[in-house]
Amino acid sequence: ILDAITDKTILISVMLANNEIGTIQPIKEIAEKIREYSDKN
């Protein structure tokens, strides 16, 4: 996710739990990475 961010990125959307296979995503970790990038840049 972090590697895909560009200077034009305004929105990121990642589901918390998948409706088909049930996988629970690391939303908190992703949010922390986004916040660190945003603060730094």
PDB file of all heavy atoms in Angstrom:
ATOM      1  N   ILE A   1       0.846  -1.198   0.000  1.00  0.00           N
ATOM      2  CA  ILE A   1       0.000   0.000   0.000  1.00  0.00           C
ATOM      3  C   ILE A   1       0.879   1.244   0.000  1.00  0.00           C
ATOM      4  O   ILE A   1       0.689   2.180  -0.792  1.00  0.00           O
ATOM      5  CB  ILE A   1      -0.935   0.019   1.230  1.00  0.00           C
ATOM      6  CG1 ILE A   1      -1.938  -1.150   1.189  1.00  0.00           C
ATOM      7  CG2 ILE A   1      -1.655   1.368   1.338  1.00  0.00           C
ATOM      8  CD1 ILE A   1      -3.079  -0.989   0.248  1.00  0.00           C
ATOM      9  N   LEU A   2       1.856   1.262   0.900  1.00  0.00           N
ATOM     10  CA  LEU A   2       2.739   2.419   1.038  1.00  0.00           C
ATOM     11  C   LEU A   2       3.523   2.675  -0.246  1.00  0.00           C
ATOM     12  O   LEU A   2       3.664   3.830  -0.680  1.00  0.00           O
ATOM     13  CB  LEU A   2       3.703   2.196   2.206  1.00  0.00           C
ATOM     14  CG  LEU A   2       4.454   3.420   2.735  1.00  0.00           C
ATOM     15  CD1 LEU A   2       3.489   4.432   3.323  1.00  0.00           C
ATOM     16  CD2 LEU A   2       5.480   2.999   3.782  1.00  0.00           C
ATOM     17  N   ASP A   3       4.004   1.596  -0.860  1.00  0.00           N
ATOM     18  CA  ASP A   3       4.793   1.731  -2.090  1.00  0.00           C
ATOM     19  C   ASP A   3       3.966   2.285  -3.252  1.00  0.00           C
ATOM     20  O   ASP A   3       4.526   2.844  -4.203  1.00  0.00           O
ATOM     21  CB  ASP A   3       5.388   0.378  -2.490  1.00  0.00           C
ATOM     22  CG  ASP A   3       6.507  -0.076  -1.557  1.00  0.00           C
ATOM     23  OD1 ASP A   3       7.013   0.767  -0.784  1.00  0.00           O
ATOM     24  OD2 ASP A   3       6.854  -1.270  -1.595  1.00  0.00           O
ATOM     25  N   ALA A   4       2.653   2.117  -3.193  1.00  0.00           N
ATOM     26  CA  ALA A   4       1.789   2.570  -4.285  1.00  0.00           C
ATOM     27  C   ALA A   4       1.415   4.043  -4.172  1.00  0.00           C
ATOM     28  O   ALA A   4       0.886   4.628  -5.123  1.00  0.00           O
ATOM     29  CB  ALA A   4       0.521   1.719  -4.329  1.00  0.00           C
ATOM     30  N   ILE A   5       1.673   4.656  -3.020  1.00  0.00           N
ATOM     31  CA  ILE A   5       1.311   6.062  -2.822  1.00  0.00           C
ATOM     32  C   ILE A   5       2.155   6.970  -3.715  1.00  0.00           C
ATOM     33  O   ILE A   5       3.367   6.800  -3.832  1.00  0.00           O
ATOM     34  CB  ILE A   5       1.475   6.467  -1.341  1.00  0.00           C
ATOM     35  CG1 ILE A   5       0.503   5.686  -0.459  1.00  0.00           C
ATOM     36  CG2 ILE A   5       1.253   7.973  -1.162  1.00  0.00           C
ATOM     37  CD1 ILE A   5       0.664   5.937   1.031  1.00  0.00           C
ATOM     38  N   THR A   6       1.493   7.928  -4.344  1.00  0.00           N
ATOM     39  CA  THR A   6       2.177   8.939  -5.156  1.00  0.00           C
ATOM     40  C   THR A   6       1.836  10.329  -4.605  1.00  0.00           C
ATOM     41  O   THR A   6       1.048  10.460  -3.668  1.00  0.00           O
ATOM     42  CB  THR A   6       1.735   8.864  -6.632  1.00  0.00           C
ATOM     43  OG1 THR A   6       0.393   9.383  -6.747  1.00  0.00           O
ATOM     44  CG2 THR A   6       1.760   7.429  -7.147  1.00  0.00           C
ATOM     45  N   ASP A   7       2.401  11.348  -5.226  1.00  0.00           N
ATOM     46  CA  ASP A   7       2.103  12.705  -4.769  1.00  0.00           C
ATOM     47  C   ASP A   7       0.682  13.125  -5.122  1.00  0.00           C
ATOM     48  O   ASP A   7       0.211  14.181  -4.682  1.00  0.00           O
ATOM     49  CB  ASP A   7       3.113  13.707  -5.332  1.00  0.00           C
ATOM     50  CG  ASP A   7       3.133  13.735  -6.860  1.00  0.00           C
ATOM     51  OD1 ASP A   7       2.429  12.911  -7.495  1.00  0.00           O
ATOM     52  OD2 ASP A   7       3.855  14.586  -7.417  1.00  0.00           O
ATOM     53  N   LYS A   8      -0.028  12.286  -5.889  1.00  0.00           N
ATOM     54  CA  LYS A   8      -1.412  12.586  -6.243  1.00  0.00           C
ATOM     55  C   LYS A   8      -2.432  11.724  -5.489  1.00  0.00           C
ATOM     56  O   LYS A   8      -3.636  11.838  -5.710  1.00  0.00           O
ATOM     57  CB  LYS A   8      -1.616  12.406  -7.753  1.00  0.00           C
ATOM     58  CG  LYS A   8      -0.823  13.395  -8.605  1.00  0.00           C
ATOM     59  CD  LYS A   8      -1.162  13.246 -10.071  1.00  0.00           C
ATOM     60  CE  LYS A   8      -0.349  14.217 -10.922  1.00  0.00           C
ATOM     61  NZ  LYS A   8      -0.638  15.633 -10.593  1.00  0.00           N
ATOM     62  N   THR A   9      -1.950  10.865  -4.582  1.00  0.00           N
ATOM     63  CA  THR A   9      -2.849   9.981  -3.838  1.00  0.00           C
ATOM     64  C   THR A   9      -3.678  10.784  -2.829  1.00  0.00           C
ATOM     65  O   THR A   9      -3.130  11.553  -2.039  1.00  0.00           O
ATOM     66  CB  THR A   9      -2.065   8.889  -3.093  1.00  0.00           C
ATOM     67  OG1 THR A   9      -1.262   8.158  -4.039  1.00  0.00           O
ATOM     68  CG2 THR A   9      -3.020   7.921  -2.392  1.00  0.00           C
ATOM     69  N   ILE A  10      -5.001  10.579  -2.864  1.00  0.00           N
ATOM     70  CA  ILE A  10      -5.897  11.287  -1.935  1.00  0.00           C
ATOM     71  C   ILE A  10      -6.739  10.330  -1.094  1.00  0.00           C
ATOM     72  O   ILE A  10      -7.252  10.719  -0.040  1.00  0.00           O
ATOM     73  CB  ILE A  10      -6.837  12.245  -2.688  1.00  0.00           C
ATOM     74  CG1 ILE A  10      -7.605  11.501  -3.798  1.00  0.00           C
ATOM     75  CG2 ILE A  10      -6.061  13.431  -3.256  1.00  0.00           C
ATOM     76  CD1 ILE A  10      -8.657  12.339  -4.496  1.00  0.00           C
ATOM     77  N   LEU A  11      -6.877   9.079  -1.537  1.00  0.00           N
ATOM     78  CA  LEU A  11      -7.788   8.150  -0.857  1.00  0.00           C
ATOM     79  C   LEU A  11      -7.287   6.719  -0.974  1.00  0.00           C
ATOM     80  O   LEU A  11      -6.840   6.293  -2.044  1.00  0.00           O
ATOM     81  CB  LEU A  11      -9.196   8.256  -1.463  1.00  0.00           C
ATOM     82  CG  LEU A  11     -10.247   7.244  -0.997  1.00  0.00           C
ATOM     83  CD1 LEU A  11     -10.567   7.418   0.483  1.00  0.00           C
ATOM     84  CD2 LEU A  11     -11.525   7.377  -1.827  1.00  0.00           C
ATOM     85  N   ILE A  12      -7.393   5.979   0.131  1.00  0.00           N
ATOM     86  CA  ILE A  12      -7.091   4.549   0.159  1.00  0.00           C
ATOM     87  C   ILE A  12      -8.275   3.831   0.785  1.00  0.00           C
ATOM     88  O   ILE A  12      -8.800   4.267   1.807  1.00  0.00           O
ATOM     89  CB  ILE A  12      -5.802   4.272   0.963  1.00  0.00           C
ATOM     90  CG1 ILE A  12      -4.592   4.950   0.287  1.00  0.00           C
ATOM     91  CG2 ILE A  12      -5.555   2.767   1.093  1.00  0.00           C
ATOM     92  CD1 ILE A  12      -3.316   4.906   1.096  1.00  0.00           C
ATOM     93  N   SER A  13      -8.721   2.734   0.162  1.00  0.00           N
ATOM     94  CA  SER A  13      -9.850   1.959   0.680  1.00  0.00           C
ATOM     95  C   SER A  13      -9.475   0.487   0.737  1.00  0.00           C
ATOM     96  O   SER A  13      -9.169  -0.124  -0.288  1.00  0.00           O
ATOM     97  CB  SER A  13     -11.089   2.146  -0.208  1.00  0.00           C
ATOM     98  OG  SER A  13     -12.193   1.422   0.311  1.00  0.00           O
ATOM     99  N   VAL A  14      -9.482  -0.074   1.954  1.00  0.00           N
ATOM    100  CA  VAL A  14      -9.168  -1.490   2.167  1.00  0.00           C
ATOM    101  C   VAL A  14     -10.216  -2.069   3.109  1.00  0.00           C
ATOM    102  O   VAL A  14     -10.439  -1.540   4.194  1.00  0.00           O
ATOM    103  CB  VAL A  14      -7.766  -1.680   2.787  1.00  0.00           C
ATOM    104  CG1 VAL A  14      -7.475  -3.168   3.011  1.00  0.00           C
ATOM    105  CG2 VAL A  14      -6.688  -1.043   1.912  1.00  0.00           C
ATOM    106  N   MET A  15     -10.852  -3.171   2.708  1.00  0.00           N
ATOM    107  CA  MET A  15     -11.904  -3.755   3.544  1.00  0.00           C
ATOM    108  C   MET A  15     -11.333  -4.372   4.817  1.00  0.00           C
ATOM    109  O   MET A  15     -10.213  -4.879   4.823  1.00  0.00           O
ATOM    110  CB  MET A  15     -12.722  -4.775   2.752  1.00  0.00           C
ATOM    111  CG  MET A  15     -11.986  -6.041   2.392  1.00  0.00           C
ATOM    112  SD  MET A  15     -12.811  -7.044   1.118  1.00  0.00           S
ATOM    113  CE  MET A  15     -14.538  -6.779   1.366  1.00  0.00           C
ATOM    114  N   LEU A  16     -12.129  -4.335   5.881  1.00  0.00           N
ATOM    115  CA  LEU A  16     -11.680  -4.891   7.162  1.00  0.00           C
ATOM    116  C   LEU A  16     -11.701  -6.418   7.133  1.00  0.00           C
ATOM    117  O   LEU A  16     -10.750  -7.069   7.567  1.00  0.00           O
ATOM    118  CB  LEU A  16     -12.560  -4.357   8.290  1.00  0.00           C
ATOM    119  CG  LEU A  16     -12.273  -4.836   9.710  1.00  0.00           C
ATOM    120  CD1 LEU A  16     -10.804  -4.745  10.069  1.00  0.00           C
ATOM    121  CD2 LEU A  16     -13.106  -4.034  10.703  1.00  0.00           C
ATOM    122  N   ALA A  17     -12.790  -6.999   6.635  1.00  0.00           N
ATOM    123  CA  ALA A  17     -12.910  -8.462   6.544  1.00  0.00           C
ATOM    124  C   ALA A  17     -13.577  -8.818   5.225  1.00  0.00           C
ATOM    125  O   ALA A  17     -14.601  -8.224   4.867  1.00  0.00           O
ATOM    126  CB  ALA A  17     -13.717  -9.007   7.716  1.00  0.00           C
ATOM    127  N   ASN A  18     -12.996  -9.779   4.522  1.00  0.00           N
ATOM    128  CA  ASN A  18     -13.504 -10.112   3.197  1.00  0.00           C
ATOM    129  C   ASN A  18     -14.804 -10.897   3.259  1.00  0.00           C
ATOM    130  O   ASN A  18     -14.946 -11.836   4.046  1.00  0.00           O
ATOM    131  CB  ASN A  18     -12.454 -10.893   2.405  1.00  0.00           C
ATOM    132  CG  ASN A  18     -12.873 -11.116   0.969  1.00  0.00           C
ATOM    133  OD1 ASN A  18     -13.423 -12.152   0.621  1.00  0.00           O
ATOM    134  ND2 ASN A  18     -12.654 -10.115   0.128  1.00  0.00           N
ATOM    135  N   ASN A  19     -15.738 -10.544   2.406  1.00  0.00           N
ATOM    136  CA  ASN A  19     -17.065 -11.162   2.418  1.00  0.00           C
ATOM    137  C   ASN A  19     -17.080 -12.583   1.877  1.00  0.00           C
ATOM    138  O   ASN A  19     -17.972 -13.367   2.203  1.00  0.00           O
ATOM    139  CB  ASN A  19     -18.052 -10.303   1.612  1.00  0.00           C
ATOM    140  CG  ASN A  19     -17.548 -10.000   0.216  1.00  0.00           C
ATOM    141  OD1 ASN A  19     -16.500  -9.389   0.041  1.00  0.00           O
ATOM    142  ND2 ASN A  19     -18.302 -10.411  -0.794  1.00  0.00           N
ATOM    143  N   GLU A  20     -16.089 -12.961   1.085  1.00  0.00           N
ATOM    144  CA  GLU A  20     -16.070 -14.306   0.511  1.00  0.00           C
ATOM    145  C   GLU A  20     -15.209 -15.270   1.327  1.00  0.00           C
ATOM    146  O   GLU A  20     -15.668 -16.345   1.713  1.00  0.00           O
ATOM    147  CB  GLU A  20     -15.590 -14.265  -0.944  1.00  0.00           C
ATOM    148  CG  GLU A  20     -16.572 -13.585  -1.883  1.00  0.00           C
ATOM    149  CD  GLU A  20     -16.235 -13.834  -3.336  1.00  0.00           C
ATOM    150  OE1 GLU A  20     -15.790 -14.954  -3.662  1.00  0.00           O
ATOM    151  OE2 GLU A  20     -16.426 -12.915  -4.155  1.00  0.00           O
ATOM    152  N   ILE A  21     -13.958 -14.894   1.581  1.00  0.00           N
ATOM    153  CA  ILE A  21     -13.035 -15.828   2.244  1.00  0.00           C
ATOM    154  C   ILE A  21     -12.770 -15.469   3.703  1.00  0.00           C
ATOM    155  O   ILE A  21     -12.039 -16.184   4.387  1.00  0.00           O
ATOM    156  CB  ILE A  21     -11.707 -15.938   1.475  1.00  0.00           C
ATOM    157  CG1 ILE A  21     -10.993 -14.588   1.387  1.00  0.00           C
ATOM    158  CG2 ILE A  21     -11.955 -16.511   0.081  1.00  0.00           C
ATOM    159  CD1 ILE A  21      -9.609 -14.659   0.754  1.00  0.00           C
ATOM    160  N   GLY A  22     -13.339 -14.371   4.185  1.00  0.00           N
ATOM    161  CA  GLY A  22     -13.290 -14.065   5.611  1.00  0.00           C
ATOM    162  C   GLY A  22     -11.995 -13.477   6.134  1.00  0.00           C
ATOM    163  O   GLY A  22     -11.885 -13.175   7.332  1.00  0.00           O
ATOM    164  N   THR A  23     -10.985 -13.298   5.288  1.00  0.00           N
ATOM    165  CA  THR A  23      -9.692 -12.795   5.731  1.00  0.00           C
ATOM    166  C   THR A  23      -9.818 -11.418   6.368  1.00  0.00           C
ATOM    167  O   THR A  23     -10.458 -10.525   5.820  1.00  0.00           O
ATOM    168  CB  THR A  23      -8.715 -12.718   4.535  1.00  0.00           C
ATOM    169  OG1 THR A  23      -8.558 -14.029   3.982  1.00  0.00           O
ATOM    170  CG2 THR A  23      -7.364 -12.182   4.968  1.00  0.00           C
ATOM    171  N   ILE A  24      -9.192 -11.252   7.534  1.00  0.00           N
ATOM    172  CA  ILE A  24      -9.207  -9.985   8.264  1.00  0.00           C
ATOM    173  C   ILE A  24      -7.912  -9.236   7.964  1.00  0.00           C
ATOM    174  O   ILE A  24      -6.817  -9.736   8.217  1.00  0.00           O
ATOM    175  CB  ILE A  24      -9.359 -10.226   9.777  1.00  0.00           C
ATOM    176  CG1 ILE A  24     -10.670 -10.979  10.063  1.00  0.00           C
ATOM    177  CG2 ILE A  24      -9.324  -8.904  10.538  1.00  0.00           C
ATOM    178  CD1 ILE A  24     -10.785 -11.483  11.489  1.00  0.00           C
ATOM    179  N   GLN A  25      -8.042  -8.039   7.419  1.00  0.00           N
ATOM    180  CA  GLN A  25      -6.877  -7.275   6.977  1.00  0.00           C
ATOM    181  C   GLN A  25      -6.224  -6.492   8.123  1.00  0.00           C
ATOM    182  O   GLN A  25      -6.893  -6.123   9.092  1.00  0.00           O
ATOM    183  CB  GLN A  25      -7.282  -6.297   5.862  1.00  0.00           C
ATOM    184  CG  GLN A  25      -7.854  -6.959   4.628  1.00  0.00           C
ATOM    185  CD  GLN A  25      -6.832  -7.802   3.865  1.00  0.00           C
ATOM    186  OE1 GLN A  25      -5.643  -7.816   4.176  1.00  0.00           O
ATOM    187  NE2 GLN A  25      -7.307  -8.539   2.866  1.00  0.00           N
ATOM    188  N   PRO A  26      -4.931  -6.193   7.996  1.00  0.00           N
ATOM    189  CA  PRO A  26      -4.203  -5.435   9.034  1.00  0.00           C
ATOM    190  C   PRO A  26      -4.483  -3.933   8.927  1.00  0.00           C
ATOM    191  O   PRO A  26      -3.587  -3.130   8.632  1.00  0.00           O
ATOM    192  CB  PRO A  26      -2.738  -5.768   8.725  1.00  0.00           C
ATOM    193  CG  PRO A  26      -2.705  -5.981   7.248  1.00  0.00           C
ATOM    194  CD  PRO A  26      -4.024  -6.644   6.898  1.00  0.00           C
ATOM    195  N   ILE A  27      -5.724  -3.553   9.162  1.00  0.00           N
ATOM    196  CA  ILE A  27      -6.151  -2.173   8.950  1.00  0.00           C
ATOM    197  C   ILE A  27      -5.377  -1.191   9.837  1.00  0.00           C
ATOM    198  O   ILE A  27      -4.958  -0.119   9.388  1.00  0.00           O
ATOM    199  CB  ILE A  27      -7.667  -2.030   9.194  1.00  0.00           C
ATOM    200  CG1 ILE A  27      -8.451  -2.877   8.172  1.00  0.00           C
ATOM    201  CG2 ILE A  27      -8.100  -0.575   9.129  1.00  0.00           C
ATOM    202  CD1 ILE A  27      -8.235  -2.491   6.730  1.00  0.00           C
ATOM    203  N   LYS A  28      -5.184  -1.547  11.093  1.00  0.00           N
ATOM    204  CA  LYS A  28      -4.466  -0.653  12.011  1.00  0.00           C
ATOM    205  C   LYS A  28      -3.047  -0.398  11.522  1.00  0.00           C
ATOM    206  O   LYS A  28      -2.566   0.752  11.540  1.00  0.00           O
ATOM    207  CB  LYS A  28      -4.452  -1.249  13.417  1.00  0.00           C
ATOM    208  CG  LYS A  28      -3.794  -0.364  14.450  1.00  0.00           C
ATOM    209  CD  LYS A  28      -3.903  -0.975  15.846  1.00  0.00           C
ATOM    210  CE  LYS A  28      -3.255  -0.083  16.894  1.00  0.00           C
ATOM    211  NZ  LYS A  28      -3.399  -0.658  18.266  1.00  0.00           N
ATOM    212  N   GLU A  29      -2.363  -1.447  11.084  1.00  0.00           N
ATOM    213  CA  GLU A  29      -0.990  -1.297  10.579  1.00  0.00           C
ATOM    214  C   GLU A  29      -0.966  -0.422   9.329  1.00  0.00           C
ATOM    215  O   GLU A  29      -0.091   0.454   9.185  1.00  0.00           O
ATOM    216  CB  GLU A  29      -0.391  -2.672  10.262  1.00  0.00           C
ATOM    217  CG  GLU A  29       1.032  -2.607   9.732  1.00  0.00           C
ATOM    218  CD  GLU A  29       1.543  -3.943   9.225  1.00  0.00           C
ATOM    219  OE1 GLU A  29       0.807  -4.956   9.338  1.00  0.00           O
ATOM    220  OE2 GLU A  29       2.679  -3.977   8.706  1.00  0.00           O
ATOM    221  N   ILE A  30      -1.917  -0.646   8.423  1.00  0.00           N
ATOM    222  CA  ILE A  30      -1.984   0.158   7.195  1.00  0.00           C
ATOM    223  C   ILE A  30      -2.222   1.621   7.541  1.00  0.00           C
ATOM    224  O   ILE A  30      -1.579   2.526   6.989  1.00  0.00           O
ATOM    225  CB  ILE A  30      -3.086  -0.378   6.258  1.00  0.00           C
ATOM    226  CG1 ILE A  30      -2.730  -1.782   5.767  1.00  0.00           C
ATOM    227  CG2 ILE A  30      -3.281   0.568   5.071  1.00  0.00           C
ATOM    228  CD1 ILE A  30      -3.860  -2.488   5.037  1.00  0.00           C
ATOM    229  N   ALA A  31      -3.148   1.871   8.477  1.00  0.00           N
ATOM    230  CA  ALA A  31      -3.449   3.249   8.883  1.00  0.00           C
ATOM    231  C   ALA A  31      -2.224   3.937   9.467  1.00  0.00           C
ATOM    232  O   ALA A  31      -1.967   5.123   9.191  1.00  0.00           O
ATOM    233  CB  ALA A  31      -4.595   3.253   9.893  1.00  0.00           C
ATOM    234  N   GLU A  32      -1.452   3.214  10.263  1.00  0.00           N
ATOM    235  CA  GLU A  32      -0.246   3.786  10.868  1.00  0.00           C
ATOM    236  C   GLU A  32       0.770   4.157   9.793  1.00  0.00           C
ATOM    237  O   GLU A  32       1.407   5.225   9.867  1.00  0.00           O
ATOM    238  CB  GLU A  32       0.361   2.794  11.856  1.00  0.00           C
ATOM    239  CG  GLU A  32      -0.457   2.632  13.130  1.00  0.00           C
ATOM    240  CD  GLU A  32       0.042   1.503  14.022  1.00  0.00           C
ATOM    241  OE1 GLU A  32       0.910   0.723  13.560  1.00  0.00           O
ATOM    242  OE2 GLU A  32      -0.434   1.396  15.175  1.00  0.00           O
ATOM    243  N   LYS A  33       0.927   3.296   8.771  1.00  0.00           N
ATOM    244  CA  LYS A  33       1.862   3.568   7.681  1.00  0.00           C
ATOM    245  C   LYS A  33       1.419   4.792   6.878  1.00  0.00           C
ATOM    246  O   LYS A  33       2.246   5.630   6.478  1.00  0.00           O
ATOM    247  CB  LYS A  33       1.980   2.354   6.763  1.00  0.00           C
ATOM    248  CG  LYS A  33       2.573   1.113   7.418  1.00  0.00           C
ATOM    249  CD  LYS A  33       4.028   1.292   7.784  1.00  0.00           C
ATOM    250  CE  LYS A  33       4.627  -0.003   8.324  1.00  0.00           C
ATOM    251  NZ  LYS A  33       6.027   0.179   8.780  1.00  0.00           N
ATOM    252  N   ILE A  34       0.115   4.882   6.627  1.00  0.00           N
ATOM    253  CA  ILE A  34      -0.415   6.029   5.889  1.00  0.00           C
ATOM    254  C   ILE A  34      -0.171   7.317   6.674  1.00  0.00           C
ATOM    255  O   ILE A  34       0.250   8.338   6.114  1.00  0.00           O
ATOM    256  CB  ILE A  34      -1.919   5.850   5.610  1.00  0.00           C
ATOM    257  CG1 ILE A  34      -2.164   4.661   4.671  1.00  0.00           C
ATOM    258  CG2 ILE A  34      -2.524   7.130   5.005  1.00  0.00           C
ATOM    259  CD1 ILE A  34      -3.630   4.277   4.550  1.00  0.00           C
ATOM    260  N   ARG A  35      -0.435   7.267   7.974  1.00  0.00           N
ATOM    261  CA  ARG A  35      -0.263   8.457   8.816  1.00  0.00           C
ATOM    262  C   ARG A  35       1.210   8.883   8.866  1.00  0.00           C
ATOM    263  O   ARG A  35       1.530  10.079   8.783  1.00  0.00           O
ATOM    264  CB  ARG A  35      -0.791   8.181  10.217  1.00  0.00           C
ATOM    265  CG  ARG A  35      -0.852   9.399  11.118  1.00  0.00           C
ATOM    266  CD  ARG A  35      -1.780   9.175  12.294  1.00  0.00           C
ATOM    267  NE  ARG A  35      -1.444   7.965  13.034  1.00  0.00           N
ATOM    268  CZ  ARG A  35      -2.206   6.869  13.063  1.00  0.00           C
ATOM    269  NH1 ARG A  35      -3.346   6.837  12.380  1.00  0.00           N
ATOM    270  NH2 ARG A  35      -1.848   5.809  13.760  1.00  0.00           N
ATOM    271  N   GLU A  36       2.117   7.911   8.994  1.00  0.00           N
ATOM    272  CA  GLU A  36       3.545   8.228   9.019  1.00  0.00           C
ATOM    273  C   GLU A  36       3.973   8.890   7.709  1.00  0.00           C
ATOM    274  O   GLU A  36       4.714   9.881   7.710  1.00  0.00           O
ATOM    275  CB  GLU A  36       4.359   6.947   9.254  1.00  0.00           C
ATOM    276  CG  GLU A  36       4.246   6.381  10.664  1.00  0.00           C
ATOM    277  CD  GLU A  36       4.886   5.007  10.779  1.00  0.00           C
ATOM    278  OE1 GLU A  36       5.503   4.542   9.787  1.00  0.00           O
ATOM    279  OE2 GLU A  36       4.768   4.386  11.853  1.00  0.00           O
ATOM    280  N   TYR A  37       3.502   8.332   6.593  1.00  0.00           N
ATOM    281  CA  TYR A  37       3.849   8.901   5.286  1.00  0.00           C
ATOM    282  C   TYR A  37       3.293  10.314   5.155  1.00  0.00           C
ATOM    283  O   TYR A  37       3.996  11.231   4.694  1.00  0.00           O
ATOM    284  CB  TYR A  37       3.301   8.014   4.168  1.00  0.00           C
ATOM    285  CG  TYR A  37       3.567   8.559   2.786  1.00  0.00           C
ATOM    286  CD1 TYR A  37       4.698   8.183   2.075  1.00  0.00           C
ATOM    287  CD2 TYR A  37       2.694   9.475   2.194  1.00  0.00           C
ATOM    288  CE1 TYR A  37       4.958   8.693   0.812  1.00  0.00           C
ATOM    289  CE2 TYR A  37       2.950   9.998   0.936  1.00  0.00           C
ATOM    290  CZ  TYR A  37       4.078   9.606   0.248  1.00  0.00           C
ATOM    291  OH  TYR A  37       4.338  10.125  -0.996  1.00  0.00           O
ATOM    292  N   SER A  38       2.028  10.487   5.555  1.00  0.00           N
ATOM    293  CA  SER A  38       1.386  11.788   5.422  1.00  0.00           C
ATOM    294  C   SER A  38       2.090  12.847   6.259  1.00  0.00           C
ATOM    295  O   SER A  38       2.326  13.971   5.807  1.00  0.00           O
ATOM    296  CB  SER A  38      -0.085  11.695   5.828  1.00  0.00           C
ATOM    297  OG  SER A  38      -0.782  10.797   4.983  1.00  0.00           O
ATOM    298  N   ASP A  39       2.439  12.488   7.494  1.00  0.00           N
ATOM    299  CA  ASP A  39       3.127  13.438   8.374  1.00  0.00           C
ATOM    300  C   ASP A  39       4.502  13.807   7.824  1.00  0.00           C
ATOM    301  O   ASP A  39       4.916  14.980   7.868  1.00  0.00           O
ATOM    302  CB  ASP A  39       3.272  12.845   9.781  1.00  0.00           C
ATOM    303  CG  ASP A  39       1.938  12.710  10.504  1.00  0.00           C
ATOM    304  OD1 ASP A  39       0.955  13.328  10.047  1.00  0.00           O
ATOM    305  OD2 ASP A  39       1.881  11.970  11.511  1.00  0.00           O
ATOM    306  N   LYS A  40       5.208  12.820   7.310  1.00  0.00           N
ATOM    307  CA  LYS A  40       6.558  13.046   6.795  1.00  0.00           C
ATOM    308  C   LYS A  40       6.553  13.900   5.537  1.00  0.00           C
ATOM    309  O   LYS A  40       7.453  14.737   5.334  1.00  0.00           O
ATOM    310  CB  LYS A  40       7.225  11.701   6.505  1.00  0.00           C
ATOM    311  CG  LYS A  40       8.652  11.809   5.970  1.00  0.00           C
ATOM    312  CD  LYS A  40       9.245  10.433   5.710  1.00  0.00           C
ATOM    313  CE  LYS A  40      10.651  10.541   5.137  1.00  0.00           C
ATOM    314  NZ  LYS A  40      11.239   9.198   4.856  1.00  0.00           N
ATOM    315  N   ASN A  41       5.515  13.716   4.703  1.00  0.00           N
ATOM    316  CA  ASN A  41       5.493  14.386   3.402  1.00  0.00           C
ATOM    317  C   ASN A  41       4.501  15.542   3.323  1.00  0.00           C
ATOM    318  O   ASN A  41       4.325  16.126   2.242  1.00  0.00           O
ATOM    319  CB  ASN A  41       5.178  13.357   2.310  1.00  0.00           C
ATOM    320  CG  ASN A  41       6.284  12.324   2.149  1.00  0.00           C
ATOM    321  OD1 ASN A  41       7.269  12.560   1.469  1.00  0.00           O
ATOM    322  ND2 ASN A  41       6.114  11.164   2.790  1.00  0.00           N
TER     323      ASN A  41
END
